[in-house]
């Protein structure tokens, strides 16, 4: 369930945690376990790595990401399934139009929030922040 609070920060409520994501790219996880509560804040690191993406396109030509494959430094690769697209918007960076997707996936048994970018001119996908 998503709730929009007055200043616009989306909240995702799961069984044991609440994930807050704000415009400063800081993810706060508030968790409750055994009657105790805690908060963890993490900033996303800018990566801007090219990725191989599987996506479907609607009738207007807008992409919807499904899963992506990223190469690791040890020359292996890992495939990540996109569980949820939290936010989607368009930005213009140095004259290049890009679609930015804020997504959520379970990676190594942890729920992670990250950003993907789709460059409209070259049709290339990037893992922008994680």
Protein backbone atom coordinates (compact mmCIF):
# COMPACT_ATOMS: atom_id res chain seq x y z
CA UNK A 1 0.00 0.00 0.00
CA UNK A 2 1.29 3.49 -0.86
CA UNK A 3 0.43 6.56 1.20
CA UNK A 4 1.35 10.08 0.11
CA UNK A 5 2.00 12.31 3.11
CA UNK A 6 1.56 16.13 2.80
CA UNK A 7 5.10 17.03 1.74
CA UNK A 8 5.07 14.33 -0.97
CA UNK A 9 7.28 11.57 0.44
CA UNK A 10 5.89 8.17 -0.62
CA UNK A 11 5.75 5.47 2.04
CA UNK A 12 5.63 1.74 1.35
CA UNK A 13 4.19 -0.30 4.19
CA UNK A 14 5.04 -3.99 4.38
CA UNK A 15 4.44 -6.47 7.19
CA UNK A 16 7.37 -5.35 9.30
CA UNK A 17 8.85 -2.19 7.81
CA UNK A 18 8.10 1.17 6.24
CA UNK A 19 10.35 2.44 3.45
CA UNK A 20 10.54 6.21 2.95
CA UNK A 21 12.12 7.66 -0.17
CA UNK A 22 12.67 11.39 -0.54
CA UNK A 23 13.96 13.73 -3.23
CA UNK A 24 17.48 13.80 -1.77
CA UNK A 25 17.90 10.09 -2.76
CA UNK A 26 17.98 8.97 0.85
CA UNK A 27 16.13 5.80 1.66
CA UNK A 28 14.98 5.43 5.26
CA UNK A 29 13.80 2.04 6.48
CA UNK A 30 11.77 2.04 9.67
CA UNK A 31 11.42 -1.47 11.03
CA UNK A 32 9.53 -3.04 13.89
CA UNK A 33 10.50 -6.44 15.24
CA UNK A 34 9.60 -7.96 18.58
CA UNK A 35 8.13 -4.70 19.87
CA UNK A 36 11.35 -2.77 19.14
CA UNK A 37 11.61 -0.16 16.40
CA UNK A 38 14.61 1.20 14.54
CA UNK A 39 15.51 3.38 11.59
CA UNK A 40 18.25 2.98 8.99
CA UNK A 41 19.11 5.67 6.45
CA UNK A 42 21.21 5.00 3.39
CA UNK A 43 22.15 7.23 0.49
CA UNK A 44 22.20 5.74 -3.00
CA UNK A 45 25.50 5.59 -4.84
CA UNK A 46 25.67 6.91 -8.42
CA UNK A 47 26.81 4.12 -10.76
CA UNK A 48 25.57 4.98 -14.30
CA UNK A 49 26.45 1.48 -15.59
CA UNK A 50 25.01 0.24 -18.90
CA UNK A 51 22.71 -2.77 -18.47
CA UNK A 52 20.86 -5.29 -20.63
CA UNK A 53 17.12 -4.81 -20.12
CA UNK A 54 13.96 -6.76 -20.88
CA UNK A 55 11.01 -4.36 -21.05
CA UNK A 56 7.61 -4.11 -22.66
CA UNK A 57 6.30 -1.00 -24.40
CA UNK A 58 2.74 0.33 -24.25
CA UNK A 59 0.82 1.53 -27.31
CA UNK A 60 2.31 5.04 -26.85
CA UNK A 61 5.86 3.68 -26.97
CA UNK A 62 6.61 4.15 -23.24
CA UNK A 63 8.87 1.42 -21.78
CA UNK A 64 8.00 -0.65 -18.72
CA UNK A 65 11.04 -2.50 -17.32
CA UNK A 66 10.68 -6.18 -16.33
CA UNK A 67 14.20 -7.40 -15.49
CA UNK A 68 17.79 -6.51 -16.24
CA UNK A 69 21.20 -8.11 -16.44
CA UNK A 70 24.30 -6.39 -15.12
CA UNK A 71 27.94 -7.41 -15.53
CA UNK A 72 30.01 -7.67 -12.37
CA UNK A 73 33.73 -6.80 -12.04
CA UNK A 74 34.67 -10.51 -11.99
CA UNK A 75 33.20 -10.90 -15.51
CA UNK A 76 30.11 -12.74 -14.24
CA UNK A 77 26.62 -11.32 -14.55
CA UNK A 78 23.49 -11.25 -12.44
CA UNK A 79 19.83 -10.89 -13.46
CA UNK A 80 17.55 -8.78 -11.28
CA UNK A 81 13.76 -8.93 -11.57
CA UNK A 82 11.99 -5.60 -11.01
CA UNK A 83 9.33 -6.17 -8.35
CA UNK A 84 7.82 -2.68 -8.39
CA UNK A 85 8.20 0.62 -10.24
CA UNK A 86 7.75 3.23 -7.53
CA UNK A 87 8.08 6.39 -9.60
CA UNK A 88 8.59 7.27 -13.27
CA UNK A 89 9.44 10.70 -14.65
CA UNK A 90 11.26 12.33 -17.55
CA UNK A 91 14.34 14.51 -17.25
CA UNK A 92 16.60 16.35 -19.66
CA UNK A 93 20.32 16.06 -18.92
CA UNK A 94 22.73 17.96 -21.21
CA UNK A 95 20.04 18.00 -23.91
CA UNK A 96 19.42 14.23 -23.70
CA UNK A 97 15.87 13.22 -22.79
CA UNK A 98 15.81 10.36 -20.29
CA UNK A 99 13.11 8.43 -18.50
CA UNK A 100 13.99 7.80 -14.84
CA UNK A 101 12.47 4.81 -13.06
CA UNK A 102 12.70 4.45 -9.28
CA UNK A 103 12.33 0.71 -8.70
CA UNK A 104 12.27 -1.83 -5.92
CA UNK A 105 13.59 -5.41 -5.95
CA UNK A 106 14.72 -8.11 -3.59
CA UNK A 107 18.50 -8.45 -4.08
CA UNK A 108 20.48 -10.90 -1.92
CA UNK A 109 17.40 -11.36 0.32
CA UNK A 110 17.19 -7.59 0.97
CA UNK A 111 14.58 -5.18 -0.37
CA UNK A 112 16.52 -2.53 -2.33
CA UNK A 113 15.48 0.72 -4.01
CA UNK A 114 17.40 1.90 -7.07
CA UNK A 115 17.07 4.10 -10.15
CA UNK A 116 17.18 3.07 -13.79
CA UNK A 117 17.52 5.47 -16.72
CA UNK A 118 16.36 4.96 -20.29
CA UNK A 119 17.95 7.27 -22.85
CA UNK A 120 15.29 8.07 -25.43
CA UNK A 121 17.68 9.09 -28.26
CA UNK A 122 19.92 6.00 -28.14
CA UNK A 123 17.41 3.51 -26.58
CA UNK A 124 20.02 2.51 -23.96
CA UNK A 125 19.35 1.49 -20.35
CA UNK A 126 21.53 2.38 -17.35
CA UNK A 127 21.60 1.43 -13.68
CA UNK A 128 21.89 4.99 -12.41
CA UNK A 129 21.80 4.74 -8.60
CA UNK A 130 21.75 1.93 -6.10
